[in-house]
Amino acid sequence: MNRRQFLLNSAAVLGLSAYDLRGQTTGAKQPRVGIIGPGWYGKTDLFRLIQVAPVEVVSMCDVDKKMLSDAADAVAQRQASKHRPRTYSDYRKMLAEKDLDIVLIDTPDHWHALAMIAAVQAGADVWCQKPVSVDVIEGQAMVAAARKHGRVVQVGTQRRSTPHLAEARDNIIREGRLGNIGLVEIYCYYHMRAESNPPDTEPPENLDYEMWTGPAPLRPYNRLVHPRGWRAFMEYGNGIMGEPRQPLSISTM
């Protein structure tokens, strides 16, 4: 299956009613799914996949024990089998089972490359939250790993693969209906926490902060970092504008 077919069939992104990642037919064995990072965004991706595709979520991994347990309970309520997924604090142990067809990666950016490469090495196809990596070199390593192991990888740049936007690109922009574009404006709508400059503290007991930090420089824990505020710290990503989901404002002339 080529990339275009995968984009069309990717249920988590497109919300389609069919899922056929490997040419599976109706009634075939359900693809087995694992997720690394089932936080707010991770559960959003995973729950949508459960809604529209005949999959079985069998494994979940997170370094926050409370977040992981809550997510596993929620999946057990939502998926058809009502089975509670296995839970792991280390994604390497989860992938060592080598029983996953699809792995969703919804970690902070600084973990994307290592987790994705390990997942394709374990024989899984991958959905990776955007941006694909914190720099170009990591992205190139990820592409090389996917090609080497023959895996299909989708990156969550939803506005590139959503059907009505793809149609607008093909039937409006590429056909020149906007005329000569004279100005393109990009803006950010990301909402940060109202609190600024809280003091560093000890990490909460439910969080393995050293594992959360992983390949990034180990700095003192700050409650802005987890959950969801890590993008304000350059150790873990490439800033708000590095996230490729900002809308475009296009002027024509």
Protein backbone atom coordinates (compact mmCIF):
# COMPACT_ATOMS: atom_id res chain seq x y z
CA MET A 1 0.00 0.00 0.00
CA ASN A 2 1.42 3.39 -0.95
CA ARG A 3 1.34 6.59 1.12
CA ARG A 4 -1.65 8.08 -0.72
CA GLN A 5 -3.73 4.98 -0.05
CA PHE A 6 -2.72 5.07 3.59
CA LEU A 7 -3.71 8.71 3.92
CA LEU A 8 -7.11 7.91 2.48
CA ASN A 9 -7.58 4.99 4.84
CA SER A 10 -6.13 6.48 8.02
CA ALA A 11 -9.11 6.44 10.33
CA ALA A 12 -7.56 8.43 13.13
CA VAL A 13 -6.97 11.40 10.85
CA LEU A 14 -9.70 11.30 8.29
CA GLY A 15 -12.56 9.79 10.25
CA LEU A 16 -13.36 7.28 7.54
CA SER A 17 -15.57 4.30 8.18
CA ALA A 18 -13.14 1.73 6.75
CA TYR A 19 -9.65 0.79 7.87
CA ASP A 20 -7.42 -1.19 5.52
CA LEU A 21 -3.83 -0.46 6.48
CA ARG A 22 -2.51 -3.75 5.14
CA GLY A 23 -5.16 -4.69 2.63
CA GLN A 24 -7.18 -6.50 5.28
CA THR A 25 -10.69 -7.45 4.28
CA THR A 26 -13.87 -7.25 6.29
CA GLY A 27 -13.96 -10.06 8.82
CA ALA A 28 -10.19 -10.43 8.99
CA LYS A 29 -8.33 -10.31 12.27
CA GLN A 30 -8.54 -6.90 13.87
CA PRO A 31 -5.31 -4.89 13.81
CA ARG A 32 -3.69 -4.81 17.25
CA VAL A 33 -2.94 -1.29 18.42
CA GLY A 34 -0.57 0.14 20.99
CA ILE A 35 -0.09 3.77 22.00
CA ILE A 36 2.87 5.59 23.52
CA GLY A 37 1.68 8.71 25.33
CA PRO A 38 -2.10 8.46 25.93
CA GLY A 39 -2.46 11.97 27.31
CA TRP A 40 -5.03 14.48 26.09
CA TYR A 41 -4.00 14.42 22.45
CA GLY A 42 -3.14 10.73 22.51
CA LYS A 43 -6.59 9.79 23.74
CA THR A 44 -8.13 12.08 21.12
CA ASP A 45 -6.35 10.16 18.35
CA LEU A 46 -6.99 6.76 19.91
CA PHE A 47 -10.67 7.26 20.69
CA ARG A 48 -11.33 8.43 17.15
CA LEU A 49 -9.59 5.34 15.81
CA ILE A 50 -11.76 3.13 18.03
CA GLN A 51 -14.85 4.94 16.79
CA VAL A 52 -14.30 4.36 13.11
CA ALA A 53 -12.08 1.29 12.75
CA PRO A 54 -12.32 -2.38 13.78
CA VAL A 55 -9.17 -2.39 15.92
CA GLU A 56 -8.22 -3.84 19.29
CA VAL A 57 -6.14 -1.66 21.63
CA VAL A 58 -3.95 -4.16 23.47
CA SER A 59 -1.08 -2.06 24.88
CA MET A 60 -0.58 1.42 26.33
CA CYS A 61 2.55 3.13 27.63
CA ASP A 62 3.09 6.29 29.63
CA VAL A 63 5.53 7.54 32.24
CA ASP A 64 2.66 9.11 34.22
CA LYS A 65 1.06 6.23 36.15
CA LYS A 66 -2.19 8.03 36.87
CA MET A 67 -2.64 9.23 33.31
CA LEU A 68 -1.89 5.73 32.04
CA SER A 69 -4.33 4.00 34.37
CA ASP A 70 -7.13 6.46 33.60
CA ALA A 71 -6.54 6.05 29.86
CA ALA A 72 -6.59 2.25 30.07
CA ASP A 73 -9.91 2.37 31.96
CA ALA A 74 -11.37 4.68 29.33
CA VAL A 75 -10.27 2.41 26.48
CA ALA A 76 -11.82 -0.62 28.19
CA GLN A 77 -15.13 1.24 28.29
CA ARG A 78 -14.96 2.35 24.67
CA GLN A 79 -13.63 -0.55 22.64
CA ALA A 80 -15.95 -3.32 21.54
CA SER A 81 -14.16 -6.13 23.38
CA LYS A 82 -14.23 -4.21 26.69
CA HIS A 83 -10.74 -5.57 27.35
CA ARG A 84 -8.42 -3.37 29.40
CA PRO A 85 -5.10 -2.93 27.56
CA ARG A 86 -1.81 -3.97 29.09
CA THR A 87 0.07 -1.02 30.56
CA TYR A 88 3.76 -0.20 30.48
CA SER A 89 5.97 2.55 31.83
CA ASP A 90 8.72 1.90 29.26
CA TYR A 91 7.79 1.75 25.57
CA ARG A 92 10.72 -0.54 24.85
CA LYS A 93 9.14 -3.27 26.98
CA MET A 94 5.83 -2.78 25.20
CA LEU A 95 7.43 -3.06 21.77
CA ALA A 96 9.48 -6.09 22.84
CA GLU A 97 6.24 -8.11 22.79
CA LYS A 98 6.28 -7.71 18.96
CA ASP A 99 2.55 -8.29 18.75
CA LEU A 100 1.41 -4.85 17.54
CA ASP A 101 0.26 -4.03 14.03
CA ILE A 102 -0.07 -0.28 14.64
CA VAL A 103 1.60 2.03 17.14
CA LEU A 104 0.37 5.55 17.86
CA ILE A 105 3.06 7.92 19.15
CA ASP A 106 1.67 10.92 21.02
CA THR A 107 4.64 11.86 23.18
CA PRO A 108 6.26 15.28 23.41
CA ASP A 109 8.34 16.02 20.32
CA HIS A 110 11.70 15.06 21.77
CA TRP A 111 10.64 11.41 22.02
CA HIS A 112 9.13 11.05 18.53
CA ALA A 113 12.21 9.84 16.66
CA LEU A 114 13.40 7.16 19.08
CA ALA A 115 9.92 5.75 19.69
CA MET A 116 9.01 5.71 16.00
CA ILE A 117 12.25 4.01 14.94
CA ALA A 118 11.82 1.39 17.67
CA ALA A 119 8.22 0.77 16.59
CA VAL A 120 9.07 0.09 12.94
CA GLN A 121 11.96 -2.10 14.03
CA ALA A 122 9.41 -4.11 16.04
CA GLY A 123 7.34 -4.63 12.88
CA ALA A 124 4.56 -2.08 13.40
CA ASP A 125 3.14 0.61 11.18
CA VAL A 126 3.08 3.99 12.87
CA TRP A 127 0.88 7.03 13.39
CA CYS A 128 3.13 9.80 14.78
CA GLN A 129 1.82 13.06 16.14
CA LYS A 130 3.10 16.19 14.48
CA PRO A 131 5.68 17.57 14.08
CA VAL A 132 7.53 14.46 13.03
CA SER A 133 10.70 15.44 14.92
CA VAL A 134 12.53 18.29 16.59
CA ASP A 135 14.95 18.74 13.69
CA VAL A 136 15.62 17.66 10.11
CA ILE A 137 18.27 15.09 10.97
CA GLU A 138 15.89 13.19 13.24
CA GLY A 139 13.24 13.29 10.52
CA GLN A 140 15.67 11.88 7.97
CA ALA A 141 16.57 9.05 10.36
CA MET A 142 12.87 8.25 10.80
CA VAL A 143 12.25 8.13 7.05
CA ALA A 144 15.29 5.88 6.58
CA ALA A 145 14.05 3.49 9.29
CA ALA A 146 10.55 3.28 7.80
CA ARG A 147 11.97 2.47 4.36
CA LYS A 148 14.49 -0.02 5.68
CA HIS A 149 11.85 -2.00 7.55
CA GLY A 150 9.11 -1.56 4.95
CA ARG A 151 6.63 0.08 7.31
CA VAL A 152 3.89 2.62 6.60
CA VAL A 153 4.14 5.83 8.63
CA GLN A 154 1.57 8.64 8.90
CA VAL A 155 2.39 11.99 10.48
CA GLY A 156 -0.43 13.99 12.03
CA THR A 157 -0.40 16.94 9.68
CA GLN A 158 -4.17 16.71 9.50
CA ARG A 159 -4.66 19.76 7.33
CA ARG A 160 -2.67 18.10 4.54
CA SER A 161 -4.78 14.94 4.43
CA THR A 162 -8.29 15.98 5.42
CA PRO A 163 -10.50 15.30 2.35
CA HIS A 164 -12.16 18.68 1.96
CA LEU A 165 -8.83 20.50 2.29
CA ALA A 166 -7.17 18.17 -0.21
CA GLU A 167 -10.06 18.89 -2.57
CA ALA A 168 -9.61 22.63 -2.08
CA ARG A 169 -5.91 22.29 -2.84
CA ASP A 170 -6.53 20.34 -6.04
CA ASN A 171 -9.64 22.09 -7.34
CA ILE A 172 -9.12 25.66 -6.17
CA ILE A 173 -5.49 26.46 -5.44
CA ARG A 174 -3.76 24.33 -8.08
CA GLU A 175 -6.29 25.30 -10.72
CA GLY A 176 -5.52 28.96 -10.08
CA ARG A 177 -8.97 30.02 -8.90
CA LEU A 178 -7.41 32.22 -6.20
CA GLY A 179 -5.56 34.22 -8.80
CA ASN A 180 -2.05 35.46 -8.14
CA ILE A 181 -1.33 35.03 -4.43
CA GLY A 182 0.45 38.11 -3.16
CA LEU A 183 0.57 37.47 0.59
CA VAL A 184 0.37 34.43 2.87
CA GLU A 185 0.07 35.03 6.61
CA ILE A 186 0.65 32.32 9.22
CA TYR A 187 -0.47 32.85 12.78
CA CYS A 188 -0.50 30.85 16.00
CA TYR A 189 -3.54 30.32 18.19
CA TYR A 190 -1.90 28.08 20.79
CA HIS A 191 -3.10 28.82 24.30
CA MET A 192 -0.53 28.74 27.08
CA ARG A 193 -1.26 28.56 30.78
CA ALA A 194 -2.05 31.82 32.47
CA GLU A 195 0.47 31.23 35.25
CA SER A 196 3.97 32.44 34.44
CA ASN A 197 7.32 31.54 35.98
CA PRO A 198 6.23 29.11 38.70
CA PRO A 199 9.10 27.78 40.82
CA ASP A 200 10.83 24.49 40.07
CA THR A 201 9.71 21.66 42.34
CA GLU A 202 10.09 17.94 42.84
CA PRO A 203 8.14 15.96 40.22
CA PRO A 204 4.88 14.34 41.35
CA GLU A 205 5.08 10.74 42.55
CA ASN A 206 3.01 9.46 39.64
CA LEU A 207 5.51 10.78 37.07
CA ASP A 208 8.82 9.15 36.13
CA TYR A 209 10.41 12.46 35.26
CA GLU A 210 13.80 11.08 34.20
CA MET A 211 12.13 8.75 31.71
CA TRP A 212 9.86 11.60 30.58
CA THR A 213 12.99 13.69 29.91
CA GLY A 214 14.66 10.83 28.03
CA PRO A 215 17.04 12.13 25.35
CA ALA A 216 16.51 15.79 26.28
CA PRO A 217 18.75 17.66 28.74
CA LEU A 218 17.68 16.94 32.32
CA ARG A 219 16.49 20.19 33.85
CA PRO A 220 14.70 20.74 37.18
CA TYR A 221 11.04 19.76 37.06
CA ASN A 222 8.53 22.57 36.59
CA ARG A 223 4.78 22.01 36.69
CA LEU A 224 4.40 23.95 33.45
CA VAL A 225 6.11 21.06 31.65
CA HIS A 226 3.65 18.26 32.36
CA PRO A 227 1.00 17.85 31.27
CA ARG A 228 0.71 19.81 28.02
CA GLY A 229 2.90 22.82 28.74
CA TRP A 230 6.19 21.32 27.54
CA ARG A 231 6.09 23.11 24.19
CA ALA A 232 7.13 26.34 25.89
CA PHE A 233 10.50 24.73 26.67
CA MET A 234 13.00 24.45 23.83
CA GLU A 235 14.51 21.31 25.38
CA TYR A 236 11.47 19.31 24.27
CA GLY A 237 10.42 20.76 20.93
CA ASN A 238 10.96 23.61 18.50
CA GLY A 239 8.51 26.16 19.86
CA ILE A 240 4.90 26.97 19.12
CA MET A 241 5.56 27.92 15.50
CA GLY A 242 7.34 24.61 15.02
CA GLU A 243 4.00 22.86 15.31
CA PRO A 244 2.64 22.54 11.76
CA ARG A 245 -1.04 23.05 12.44
CA GLN A 246 -1.36 26.83 12.32
CA PRO A 247 -4.02 28.03 9.86
CA LEU A 248 -3.13 30.12 6.84
CA SER A 249 -4.58 33.46 5.89
CA ILE A 250 -4.13 33.96 2.14
CA SER A 251 -4.56 37.24 0.32
CA THR A 252 -4.92 37.38 -3.44
CA MET A 253 -4.22 40.07 -6.01
